[in-house]
Amino acid sequence: GIISSGPITIDSKPGYQVILSTLPSMQNPIPFGLMNTWTVAGNNL
């Protein structure tokens, strides 16, 4: 489930960040919080 998301600056470069929470399931009984942040530079992510 997406909690929040929005643009962010990473090393003076435009990037993006999303905060997630895991939804209950048999495979993942422990709830987790996750935050993924990314940027690109040329051909690298």
PDB file of all heavy atoms in Angstrom:
ATOM      1  N   GLY A   1       0.850  -1.171   0.000  1.00  0.00           N
ATOM      2  CA  GLY A   1       0.000   0.000   0.000  1.00  0.00           C
ATOM      3  C   GLY A   1       0.889   1.225   0.000  1.00  0.00           C
ATOM      4  O   GLY A   1       1.849   1.304   0.768  1.00  0.00           O
ATOM      5  N   ILE A   2       0.652   2.183  -0.898  1.00  0.00           N
ATOM      6  CA  ILE A   2       1.473   3.391  -0.962  1.00  0.00           C
ATOM      7  C   ILE A   2       1.011   4.368   0.117  1.00  0.00           C
ATOM      8  O   ILE A   2      -0.150   4.764   0.156  1.00  0.00           O
ATOM      9  CB  ILE A   2       1.391   4.043  -2.350  1.00  0.00           C
ATOM     10  CG1 ILE A   2       1.984   3.108  -3.417  1.00  0.00           C
ATOM     11  CG2 ILE A   2       2.131   5.377  -2.362  1.00  0.00           C
ATOM     12  CD1 ILE A   2       1.953   3.685  -4.826  1.00  0.00           C
ATOM     13  N   ILE A   3       1.931   4.747   1.000  1.00  0.00           N
ATOM     14  CA  ILE A   3       1.649   5.702   2.069  1.00  0.00           C
ATOM     15  C   ILE A   3       1.815   7.130   1.559  1.00  0.00           C
ATOM     16  O   ILE A   3       0.973   8.002   1.781  1.00  0.00           O
ATOM     17  CB  ILE A   3       2.562   5.471   3.280  1.00  0.00           C
ATOM     18  CG1 ILE A   3       2.431   4.024   3.777  1.00  0.00           C
ATOM     19  CG2 ILE A   3       2.241   6.456   4.394  1.00  0.00           C
ATOM     20  CD1 ILE A   3       1.039   3.636   4.195  1.00  0.00           C
ATOM     21  N   SER A   4       2.914   7.380   0.872  1.00  0.00           N
ATOM     22  CA  SER A   4       3.181   8.708   0.305  1.00  0.00           C
ATOM     23  C   SER A   4       4.194   8.574  -0.816  1.00  0.00           C
ATOM     24  O   SER A   4       4.945   7.598  -0.879  1.00  0.00           O
ATOM     25  CB  SER A   4       3.694   9.680   1.374  1.00  0.00           C
ATOM     26  OG  SER A   4       4.967   9.261   1.857  1.00  0.00           O
ATOM     27  N   SER A   5       4.216   9.550  -1.706  1.00  0.00           N
ATOM     28  CA  SER A   5       5.199   9.565  -2.781  1.00  0.00           C
ATOM     29  C   SER A   5       5.355  10.986  -3.287  1.00  0.00           C
ATOM     30  O   SER A   5       4.437  11.800  -3.178  1.00  0.00           O
ATOM     31  CB  SER A   5       4.770   8.635  -3.929  1.00  0.00           C
ATOM     32  OG  SER A   5       3.570   9.104  -4.526  1.00  0.00           O
ATOM     33  N   GLY A   6       6.534  11.288  -3.809  1.00  0.00           N
ATOM     34  CA  GLY A   6       6.770  12.622  -4.323  1.00  0.00           C
ATOM     35  C   GLY A   6       8.200  12.822  -4.775  1.00  0.00           C
ATOM     36  O   GLY A   6       9.071  11.988  -4.508  1.00  0.00           O
ATOM     37  N   PRO A   7       8.484  13.916  -5.464  1.00  0.00           N
ATOM     38  CA  PRO A   7       9.840  14.192  -5.958  1.00  0.00           C
ATOM     39  C   PRO A   7      10.799  14.512  -4.818  1.00  0.00           C
ATOM     40  O   PRO A   7      10.389  14.960  -3.749  1.00  0.00           O
ATOM     41  CB  PRO A   7       9.639  15.400  -6.876  1.00  0.00           C
ATOM     42  CG  PRO A   7       8.385  16.052  -6.383  1.00  0.00           C
ATOM     43  CD  PRO A   7       7.518  14.953  -5.875  1.00  0.00           C
ATOM     44  N   ILE A   8      12.064  14.243  -5.053  1.00  0.00           N
ATOM     45  CA  ILE A   8      13.115  14.497  -4.076  1.00  0.00           C
ATOM     46  C   ILE A   8      14.390  14.817  -4.843  1.00  0.00           C
ATOM     47  O   ILE A   8      14.529  14.435  -6.013  1.00  0.00           O
ATOM     48  CB  ILE A   8      13.318  13.258  -3.165  1.00  0.00           C
ATOM     49  CG1 ILE A   8      14.273  13.582  -2.011  1.00  0.00           C
ATOM     50  CG2 ILE A   8      13.811  12.067  -3.969  1.00  0.00           C
ATOM     51  CD1 ILE A   8      14.390  12.449  -0.996  1.00  0.00           C
ATOM     52  N   THR A   9      15.300  15.546  -4.220  1.00  0.00           N
ATOM     53  CA  THR A   9      16.595  15.839  -4.835  1.00  0.00           C
ATOM     54  C   THR A   9      17.648  14.918  -4.236  1.00  0.00           C
ATOM     55  O   THR A   9      17.757  14.796  -3.013  1.00  0.00           O
ATOM     56  CB  THR A   9      16.998  17.297  -4.609  1.00  0.00           C
ATOM     57  OG1 THR A   9      16.006  18.160  -5.186  1.00  0.00           O
ATOM     58  CG2 THR A   9      18.349  17.597  -5.246  1.00  0.00           C
ATOM     59  N   ILE A  10      18.413  14.255  -5.086  1.00  0.00           N
ATOM     60  CA  ILE A  10      19.465  13.339  -4.656  1.00  0.00           C
ATOM     61  C   ILE A  10      20.768  13.775  -5.303  1.00  0.00           C
ATOM     62  O   ILE A  10      20.895  13.742  -6.532  1.00  0.00           O
ATOM     63  CB  ILE A  10      19.139  11.889  -5.059  1.00  0.00           C
ATOM     64  CG1 ILE A  10      17.742  11.485  -4.564  1.00  0.00           C
ATOM     65  CG2 ILE A  10      20.196  10.928  -4.521  1.00  0.00           C
ATOM     66  CD1 ILE A  10      17.282  10.148  -5.096  1.00  0.00           C
ATOM     67  N   ASP A  11      21.711  14.204  -4.507  1.00  0.00           N
ATOM     68  CA  ASP A  11      22.999  14.676  -5.020  1.00  0.00           C
ATOM     69  C   ASP A  11      22.802  15.720  -6.121  1.00  0.00           C
ATOM     70  O   ASP A  11      23.399  15.635  -7.195  1.00  0.00           O
ATOM     71  CB  ASP A  11      23.830  13.499  -5.535  1.00  0.00           C
ATOM     72  CG  ASP A  11      25.258  13.898  -5.871  1.00  0.00           C
ATOM     73  OD1 ASP A  11      25.730  14.912  -5.332  1.00  0.00           O
ATOM     74  OD2 ASP A  11      25.900  13.184  -6.668  1.00  0.00           O
ATOM     75  N   SER A  12      21.925  16.694  -5.837  1.00  0.00           N
ATOM     76  CA  SER A  12      21.610  17.797  -6.759  1.00  0.00           C
ATOM     77  C   SER A  12      20.927  17.337  -8.040  1.00  0.00           C
ATOM     78  O   SER A  12      20.836  18.102  -9.003  1.00  0.00           O
ATOM     79  CB  SER A  12      22.887  18.591  -7.117  1.00  0.00           C
ATOM     80  OG  SER A  12      23.490  19.108  -5.953  1.00  0.00           O
ATOM     81  N   LYS A  13      20.443  16.116  -8.056  1.00  0.00           N
ATOM     82  CA  LYS A  13      19.755  15.581  -9.231  1.00  0.00           C
ATOM     83  C   LYS A  13      18.288  15.313  -8.880  1.00  0.00           C
ATOM     84  O   LYS A  13      17.973  14.929  -7.750  1.00  0.00           O
ATOM     85  CB  LYS A  13      20.415  14.286  -9.698  1.00  0.00           C
ATOM     86  CG  LYS A  13      21.860  14.445 -10.138  1.00  0.00           C
ATOM     87  CD  LYS A  13      22.478  13.110 -10.470  1.00  0.00           C
ATOM     88  CE  LYS A  13      23.912  13.279 -10.956  1.00  0.00           C
ATOM     89  NZ  LYS A  13      24.774  13.916  -9.942  1.00  0.00           N
ATOM     90  N   PRO A  14      17.386  15.496  -9.824  1.00  0.00           N
ATOM     91  CA  PRO A  14      15.981  15.172  -9.545  1.00  0.00           C
ATOM     92  C   PRO A  14      15.807  13.675  -9.328  1.00  0.00           C
ATOM     93  O   PRO A  14      16.436  12.854  -9.998  1.00  0.00           O
ATOM     94  CB  PRO A  14      15.257  15.649 -10.814  1.00  0.00           C
ATOM     95  CG  PRO A  14      16.303  15.641 -11.877  1.00  0.00           C
ATOM     96  CD  PRO A  14      17.590  15.987 -11.201  1.00  0.00           C
ATOM     97  N   GLY A  15      14.967  13.349  -8.380  1.00  0.00           N
ATOM     98  CA  GLY A  15      14.706  11.948  -8.084  1.00  0.00           C
ATOM     99  C   GLY A  15      13.277  11.782  -7.616  1.00  0.00           C
ATOM    100  O   GLY A  15      12.464  12.713  -7.697  1.00  0.00           O
ATOM    101  N   TYR A  16      12.981  10.612  -7.101  1.00  0.00           N
ATOM    102  CA  TYR A  16      11.621  10.337  -6.624  1.00  0.00           C
ATOM    103  C   TYR A  16      11.701   9.394  -5.440  1.00  0.00           C
ATOM    104  O   TYR A  16      12.628   8.590  -5.328  1.00  0.00           O
ATOM    105  CB  TYR A  16      10.768   9.719  -7.728  1.00  0.00           C
ATOM    106  CG  TYR A  16       9.286   9.922  -7.524  1.00  0.00           C
ATOM    107  CD1 TYR A  16       8.660  11.091  -7.969  1.00  0.00           C
ATOM    108  CD2 TYR A  16       8.505   8.977  -6.872  1.00  0.00           C
ATOM    109  CE1 TYR A  16       7.304  11.299  -7.774  1.00  0.00           C
ATOM    110  CE2 TYR A  16       7.146   9.176  -6.678  1.00  0.00           C
ATOM    111  CZ  TYR A  16       6.549  10.342  -7.125  1.00  0.00           C
ATOM    112  OH  TYR A  16       5.211  10.552  -6.924  1.00  0.00           O
ATOM    113  N   GLN A  17      10.712   9.526  -4.550  1.00  0.00           N
ATOM    114  CA  GLN A  17      10.689   8.694  -3.341  1.00  0.00           C
ATOM    115  C   GLN A  17       9.267   8.228  -3.066  1.00  0.00           C
ATOM    116  O   GLN A  17       8.317   9.004  -3.180  1.00  0.00           O
ATOM    117  CB  GLN A  17      11.213   9.492  -2.147  1.00  0.00           C
ATOM    118  CG  GLN A  17      11.370   8.698  -0.867  1.00  0.00           C
ATOM    119  CD  GLN A  17      12.005   9.568   0.238  1.00  0.00           C
ATOM    120  OE1 GLN A  17      11.314  10.296   0.932  1.00  0.00           O
ATOM    121  NE2 GLN A  17      13.328   9.489   0.358  1.00  0.00           N
ATOM    122  N   VAL A  18       9.127   6.961  -2.700  1.00  0.00           N
ATOM    123  CA  VAL A  18       7.822   6.404  -2.364  1.00  0.00           C
ATOM    124  C   VAL A  18       7.942   5.605  -1.070  1.00  0.00           C
ATOM    125  O   VAL A  18       8.903   4.852  -0.882  1.00  0.00           O
ATOM    126  CB  VAL A  18       7.278   5.523  -3.514  1.00  0.00           C
ATOM    127  CG1 VAL A  18       8.231   4.388  -3.850  1.00  0.00           C
ATOM    128  CG2 VAL A  18       5.901   4.968  -3.170  1.00  0.00           C
ATOM    129  N   ILE A  19       6.997   5.807  -0.159  1.00  0.00           N
ATOM    130  CA  ILE A  19       6.940   5.065   1.102  1.00  0.00           C
ATOM    131  C   ILE A  19       5.787   4.080   1.024  1.00  0.00           C
ATOM    132  O   ILE A  19       4.664   4.449   0.657  1.00  0.00           O
ATOM    133  CB  ILE A  19       6.764   6.008   2.303  1.00  0.00           C
ATOM    134  CG1 ILE A  19       7.976   6.953   2.411  1.00  0.00           C
ATOM    135  CG2 ILE A  19       6.596   5.218   3.604  1.00  0.00           C
ATOM    136  CD1 ILE A  19       7.866   7.958   3.542  1.00  0.00           C
ATOM    137  N   LEU A  20       6.074   2.829   1.348  1.00  0.00           N
ATOM    138  CA  LEU A  20       5.112   1.751   1.211  1.00  0.00           C
ATOM    139  C   LEU A  20       4.932   1.009   2.527  1.00  0.00           C
ATOM    140  O   LEU A  20       5.778   1.090   3.423  1.00  0.00           O
ATOM    141  CB  LEU A  20       5.589   0.732   0.159  1.00  0.00           C
ATOM    142  CG  LEU A  20       6.061   1.253  -1.193  1.00  0.00           C
ATOM    143  CD1 LEU A  20       6.892   0.193  -1.891  1.00  0.00           C
ATOM    144  CD2 LEU A  20       4.864   1.617  -2.050  1.00  0.00           C
ATOM    145  N   SER A  21       3.852   0.273   2.620  1.00  0.00           N
ATOM    146  CA  SER A  21       3.670  -0.672   3.717  1.00  0.00           C
ATOM    147  C   SER A  21       3.212  -1.993   3.109  1.00  0.00           C
ATOM    148  O   SER A  21       2.485  -2.004   2.112  1.00  0.00           O
ATOM    149  CB  SER A  21       2.620  -0.168   4.715  1.00  0.00           C
ATOM    150  OG  SER A  21       1.346  -0.055   4.094  1.00  0.00           O
ATOM    151  N   THR A  22       3.676  -3.082   3.678  1.00  0.00           N
ATOM    152  CA  THR A  22       3.247  -4.376   3.164  1.00  0.00           C
ATOM    153  C   THR A  22       1.838  -4.677   3.646  1.00  0.00           C
ATOM    154  O   THR A  22       1.441  -4.307   4.744  1.00  0.00           O
ATOM    155  CB  THR A  22       4.184  -5.496   3.640  1.00  0.00           C
ATOM    156  OG1 THR A  22       4.211  -5.523   5.074  1.00  0.00           O
ATOM    157  CG2 THR A  22       5.596  -5.285   3.119  1.00  0.00           C
ATOM    158  N   LEU A  23       1.081  -5.338   2.792  1.00  0.00           N
ATOM    159  CA  LEU A  23      -0.263  -5.748   3.149  1.00  0.00           C
ATOM    160  C   LEU A  23      -0.219  -7.156   3.745  1.00  0.00           C
ATOM    161  O   LEU A  23       0.622  -7.972   3.361  1.00  0.00           O
ATOM    162  CB  LEU A  23      -1.167  -5.721   1.911  1.00  0.00           C
ATOM    163  CG  LEU A  23      -1.286  -4.353   1.221  1.00  0.00           C
ATOM    164  CD1 LEU A  23      -2.139  -4.462  -0.033  1.00  0.00           C
ATOM    165  CD2 LEU A  23      -1.881  -3.316   2.177  1.00  0.00           C
ATOM    166  N   PRO A  24      -1.083  -7.447   4.710  1.00  0.00           N
ATOM    167  CA  PRO A  24      -1.047  -8.766   5.370  1.00  0.00           C
ATOM    168  C   PRO A  24      -1.190  -9.909   4.370  1.00  0.00           C
ATOM    169  O   PRO A  24      -1.973  -9.845   3.427  1.00  0.00           O
ATOM    170  CB  PRO A  24      -2.251  -8.706   6.311  1.00  0.00           C
ATOM    171  CG  PRO A  24      -2.519  -7.255   6.518  1.00  0.00           C
ATOM    172  CD  PRO A  24      -2.155  -6.585   5.225  1.00  0.00           C
ATOM    173  N   SER A  25      -0.360 -10.952   4.586  1.00  0.00           N
ATOM    174  CA  SER A  25      -0.439 -12.134   3.740  1.00  0.00           C
ATOM    175  C   SER A  25       0.157 -13.317   4.482  1.00  0.00           C
ATOM    176  O   SER A  25       0.879 -13.152   5.469  1.00  0.00           O
ATOM    177  CB  SER A  25       0.316 -11.923   2.417  1.00  0.00           C
ATOM    178  OG  SER A  25       1.702 -11.860   2.643  1.00  0.00           O
ATOM    179  N   MET A  26      -0.115 -14.515   3.993  1.00  0.00           N
ATOM    180  CA  MET A  26       0.440 -15.721   4.604  1.00  0.00           C
ATOM    181  C   MET A  26       1.948 -15.769   4.414  1.00  0.00           C
ATOM    182  O   MET A  26       2.672 -16.250   5.277  1.00  0.00           O
ATOM    183  CB  MET A  26      -0.208 -16.956   3.970  1.00  0.00           C
ATOM    184  CG  MET A  26      -1.693 -17.100   4.264  1.00  0.00           C
ATOM    185  SD  MET A  26      -2.019 -17.427   6.014  1.00  0.00           S
ATOM    186  CE  MET A  26      -1.309 -19.068   6.171  1.00  0.00           C
ATOM    187  N   GLN A  27       2.443 -15.243   3.280  1.00  0.00           N
ATOM    188  CA  GLN A  27       3.879 -15.276   2.999  1.00  0.00           C
ATOM    189  C   GLN A  27       4.643 -14.274   3.854  1.00  0.00           C
ATOM    190  O   GLN A  27       5.783 -14.510   4.223  1.00  0.00           O
ATOM    191  CB  GLN A  27       4.130 -14.992   1.511  1.00  0.00           C
ATOM    192  CG  GLN A  27       3.649 -16.067   0.550  1.00  0.00           C
ATOM    193  CD  GLN A  27       2.144 -16.028   0.346  1.00  0.00           C
ATOM    194  OE1 GLN A  27       1.492 -15.012   0.625  1.00  0.00           O
ATOM    195  NE2 GLN A  27       1.590 -17.126  -0.131  1.00  0.00           N
ATOM    196  N   ASN A  28       4.040 -13.142   4.147  1.00  0.00           N
ATOM    197  CA  ASN A  28       4.708 -12.087   4.905  1.00  0.00           C
ATOM    198  C   ASN A  28       3.857 -11.696   6.112  1.00  0.00           C
ATOM    199  O   ASN A  28       3.161 -10.682   6.091  1.00  0.00           O
ATOM    200  CB  ASN A  28       4.952 -10.862   4.006  1.00  0.00           C
ATOM    201  CG  ASN A  28       5.813 -11.190   2.805  1.00  0.00           C
ATOM    202  OD1 ASN A  28       6.807 -11.893   2.907  1.00  0.00           O
ATOM    203  ND2 ASN A  28       5.417 -10.689   1.649  1.00  0.00           N
ATOM    204  N   PRO A  29       3.921 -12.503   7.189  1.00  0.00           N
ATOM    205  CA  PRO A  29       3.074 -12.220   8.352  1.00  0.00           C
ATOM    206  C   PRO A  29       3.519 -11.004   9.149  1.00  0.00           C
ATOM    207  O   PRO A  29       2.734 -10.436   9.899  1.00  0.00           O
ATOM    208  CB  PRO A  29       3.203 -13.499   9.179  1.00  0.00           C
ATOM    209  CG  PRO A  29       4.538 -14.060   8.799  1.00  0.00           C
ATOM    210  CD  PRO A  29       4.706 -13.733   7.346  1.00  0.00           C
ATOM    211  N   ILE A  30       4.797 -10.605   9.009  1.00  0.00           N
ATOM    212  CA  ILE A  30       5.314  -9.455   9.752  1.00  0.00           C
ATOM    213  C   ILE A  30       5.135  -8.204   8.900  1.00  0.00           C
ATOM    214  O   ILE A  30       5.645  -8.129   7.780  1.00  0.00           O
ATOM    215  CB  ILE A  30       6.800  -9.644  10.101  1.00  0.00           C
ATOM    216  CG1 ILE A  30       6.992 -10.899  10.955  1.00  0.00           C
ATOM    217  CG2 ILE A  30       7.348  -8.423  10.820  1.00  0.00           C
ATOM    218  CD1 ILE A  30       8.439 -11.217  11.257  1.00  0.00           C
ATOM    219  N   PRO A  31       4.422  -7.184   9.392  1.00  0.00           N
ATOM    220  CA  PRO A  31       4.234  -5.957   8.602  1.00  0.00           C
ATOM    221  C   PRO A  31       5.535  -5.175   8.483  1.00  0.00           C
ATOM    222  O   PRO A  31       6.251  -4.999   9.469  1.00  0.00           O
ATOM    223  CB  PRO A  31       3.181  -5.177   9.396  1.00  0.00           C
ATOM    224  CG  PRO A  31       3.331  -5.673  10.796  1.00  0.00           C
ATOM    225  CD  PRO A  31       3.720  -7.117  10.693  1.00  0.00           C
ATOM    226  N   PHE A  32       5.839  -4.712   7.289  1.00  0.00           N
ATOM    227  CA  PHE A  32       7.064  -3.962   7.038  1.00  0.00           C
ATOM    228  C   PHE A  32       6.743  -2.603   6.449  1.00  0.00           C
ATOM    229  O   PHE A  32       5.778  -2.434   5.704  1.00  0.00           O
ATOM    230  CB  PHE A  32       7.971  -4.724   6.055  1.00  0.00           C
ATOM    231  CG  PHE A  32       8.921  -5.683   6.701  1.00  0.00           C
ATOM    232  CD1 PHE A  32       8.471  -6.918   7.141  1.00  0.00           C
ATOM    233  CD2 PHE A  32      10.247  -5.358   6.888  1.00  0.00           C
ATOM    234  CE1 PHE A  32       9.331  -7.814   7.734  1.00  0.00           C
ATOM    235  CE2 PHE A  32      11.114  -6.239   7.487  1.00  0.00           C
ATOM    236  CZ  PHE A  32      10.665  -7.474   7.913  1.00  0.00           C
ATOM    237  N   GLY A  33       7.592  -1.638   6.790  1.00  0.00           N
ATOM    238  CA  GLY A  33       7.566  -0.346   6.139  1.00  0.00           C
ATOM    239  C   GLY A  33       8.725  -0.278   5.173  1.00  0.00           C
ATOM    240  O   GLY A  33       9.817  -0.772   5.479  1.00  0.00           O
ATOM    241  N   LEU A  34       8.523   0.296   4.008  1.00  0.00           N
ATOM    242  CA  LEU A  34       9.562   0.374   2.995  1.00  0.00           C
ATOM    243  C   LEU A  34       9.607   1.777   2.402  1.00  0.00           C
ATOM    244  O   LEU A  34       8.563   2.417   2.235  1.00  0.00           O
ATOM    245  CB  LEU A  34       9.314  -0.636   1.867  1.00  0.00           C
ATOM    246  CG  LEU A  34       9.135  -2.104   2.253  1.00  0.00           C
ATOM    247  CD1 LEU A  34       7.642  -2.445   2.340  1.00  0.00           C
ATOM    248  CD2 LEU A  34       9.791  -3.014   1.217  1.00  0.00           C
ATOM    249  N   MET A  35      10.789   2.243   2.095  1.00  0.00           N
ATOM    250  CA  MET A  35      10.952   3.531   1.418  1.00  0.00           C
ATOM    251  C   MET A  35      11.964   3.344   0.302  1.00  0.00           C
ATOM    252  O   MET A  35      13.100   2.937   0.546  1.00  0.00           O
ATOM    253  CB  MET A  35      11.428   4.612   2.383  1.00  0.00           C
ATOM    254  CG  MET A  35      11.556   5.990   1.719  1.00  0.00           C
ATOM    255  SD  MET A  35      11.805   7.328   2.919  1.00  0.00           S
ATOM    256  CE  MET A  35      13.514   7.033   3.396  1.00  0.00           C
ATOM    257  N   ASN A  36      11.530   3.625  -0.912  1.00  0.00           N
ATOM    258  CA  ASN A  36      12.402   3.491  -2.069  1.00  0.00           C
ATOM    259  C   ASN A  36      12.637   4.858  -2.697  1.00  0.00           C
ATOM    260  O   ASN A  36      11.690   5.603  -2.969  1.00  0.00           O
ATOM    261  CB  ASN A  36      11.789   2.530  -3.083  1.00  0.00           C
ATOM    262  CG  ASN A  36      11.839   1.098  -2.607  1.00  0.00           C
ATOM    263  OD1 ASN A  36      12.853   0.422  -2.759  1.00  0.00           O
ATOM    264  ND2 ASN A  36      10.759   0.632  -2.012  1.00  0.00           N
ATOM    265  N   THR A  37      13.901   5.157  -2.914  1.00  0.00           N
ATOM    266  CA  THR A  37      14.314   6.454  -3.447  1.00  0.00           C
ATOM    267  C   THR A  37      15.194   6.205  -4.660  1.00  0.00           C
ATOM    268  O   THR A  37      16.096   5.372  -4.606  1.00  0.00           O
ATOM    269  CB  THR A  37      15.107   7.239  -2.384  1.00  0.00           C
ATOM    270  OG1 THR A  37      14.354   7.297  -1.168  1.00  0.00           O
ATOM    271  CG2 THR A  37      15.420   8.639  -2.864  1.00  0.00           C
ATOM    272  N   TRP A  38      14.932   6.909  -5.756  1.00  0.00           N
ATOM    273  CA  TRP A  38      15.737   6.665  -6.949  1.00  0.00           C
ATOM    274  C   TRP A  38      16.007   7.945  -7.724  1.00  0.00           C
ATOM    275  O   TRP A  38      15.303   8.944  -7.610  1.00  0.00           O
ATOM    276  CB  TRP A  38      15.064   5.627  -7.842  1.00  0.00           C
ATOM    277  CG  TRP A  38      13.681   5.960  -8.326  1.00  0.00           C
ATOM    278  CD1 TRP A  38      13.333   6.776  -9.372  1.00  0.00           C
ATOM    279  CD2 TRP A  38      12.438   5.480  -7.789  1.00  0.00           C
ATOM    280  NE1 TRP A  38      11.965   6.827  -9.519  1.00  0.00           N
ATOM    281  CE2 TRP A  38      11.384   6.040  -8.557  1.00  0.00           C
ATOM    282  CE3 TRP A  38      12.105   4.619  -6.726  1.00  0.00           C
ATOM    283  CZ2 TRP A  38      10.048   5.771  -8.303  1.00  0.00           C
ATOM    284  CZ3 TRP A  38      10.767   4.362  -6.474  1.00  0.00           C
ATOM    285  CH2 TRP A  38       9.757   4.931  -7.255  1.00  0.00           C
ATOM    286  N   THR A  39      17.062   7.868  -8.510  1.00  0.00           N
ATOM    287  CA  THR A  39      17.411   8.930  -9.452  1.00  0.00           C
ATOM    288  C   THR A  39      18.109   8.288 -10.636  1.00  0.00           C
ATOM    289  O   THR A  39      18.482   7.106 -10.588  1.00  0.00           O
ATOM    290  CB  THR A  39      18.321   9.987  -8.801  1.00  0.00           C
ATOM    291  OG1 THR A  39      18.479  11.106  -9.696  1.00  0.00           O
ATOM    292  CG2 THR A  39      19.702   9.434  -8.481  1.00  0.00           C
ATOM    293  N   VAL A  40      18.255   9.044 -11.703  1.00  0.00           N
ATOM    294  CA  VAL A  40      18.950   8.536 -12.883  1.00  0.00           C
ATOM    295  C   VAL A  40      20.039   9.527 -13.280  1.00  0.00           C
ATOM    296  O   VAL A  40      19.942  10.734 -13.033  1.00  0.00           O
ATOM    297  CB  VAL A  40      17.983   8.317 -14.070  1.00  0.00           C
ATOM    298  CG1 VAL A  40      16.917   7.294 -13.721  1.00  0.00           C
ATOM    299  CG2 VAL A  40      17.346   9.629 -14.506  1.00  0.00           C
ATOM    300  N   ALA A  41      21.088   8.987 -13.892  1.00  0.00           N
ATOM    301  CA  ALA A  41      22.161   9.807 -14.444  1.00  0.00           C
ATOM    302  C   ALA A  41      22.643   9.104 -15.705  1.00  0.00           C
ATOM    303  O   ALA A  41      23.292   8.050 -15.620  1.00  0.00           O
ATOM    304  CB  ALA A  41      23.303   9.978 -13.448  1.00  0.00           C
ATOM    305  N   GLY A  42      22.282   9.657 -16.852  1.00  0.00           N
ATOM    306  CA  GLY A  42      22.647   9.017 -18.107  1.00  0.00           C
ATOM    307  C   GLY A  42      21.959   7.674 -18.251  1.00  0.00           C
ATOM    308  O   GLY A  42      20.740   7.568 -18.195  1.00  0.00           O
ATOM    309  N   ASN A  43      22.750   6.637 -18.402  1.00  0.00           N
ATOM    310  CA  ASN A  43      22.196   5.291 -18.572  1.00  0.00           C
ATOM    311  C   ASN A  43      22.193   4.483 -17.277  1.00  0.00           C
ATOM    312  O   ASN A  43      22.044   3.263 -17.295  1.00  0.00           O
ATOM    313  CB  ASN A  43      22.983   4.525 -19.650  1.00  0.00           C
ATOM    314  CG  ASN A  43      24.426   4.272 -19.233  1.00  0.00           C
ATOM    315  OD1 ASN A  43      25.013   5.048 -18.484  1.00  0.00           O
ATOM    316  ND2 ASN A  43      25.000   3.192 -19.732  1.00  0.00           N
ATOM    317  N   ASN A  44      22.341   5.157 -16.147  1.00  0.00           N
ATOM    318  CA  ASN A  44      22.364   4.482 -14.851  1.00  0.00           C
ATOM    319  C   ASN A  44      21.165   4.874 -13.997  1.00  0.00           C
ATOM    320  O   ASN A  44      20.803   6.055 -13.914  1.00  0.00           O
ATOM    321  CB  ASN A  44      23.653   4.804 -14.084  1.00  0.00           C
ATOM    322  CG  ASN A  44      24.885   4.239 -14.767  1.00  0.00           C
ATOM    323  OD1 ASN A  44      24.897   3.092 -15.193  1.00  0.00           O
ATOM    324  ND2 ASN A  44      25.925   5.051 -14.867  1.00  0.00           N
ATOM    325  N   LEU A  45      20.566   3.887 -13.369  1.00  0.00           N
ATOM    326  CA  LEU A  45      19.493   4.100 -12.402  1.00  0.00           C
ATOM    327  C   LEU A  45      20.032   3.745 -11.028  1.00  0.00           C
ATOM    328  O   LEU A  45      20.601   2.664 -10.833  1.00  0.00           O
ATOM    329  CB  LEU A  45      18.291   3.220 -12.741  1.00  0.00           C
ATOM    330  CG  LEU A  45      17.187   3.139 -11.679  1.00  0.00           C
ATOM    331  CD1 LEU A  45      16.445   4.457 -11.572  1.00  0.00           C
ATOM    332  CD2 LEU A  45      16.216   2.001 -12.009  1.00  0.00           C
TER     333      LEU A  45
END
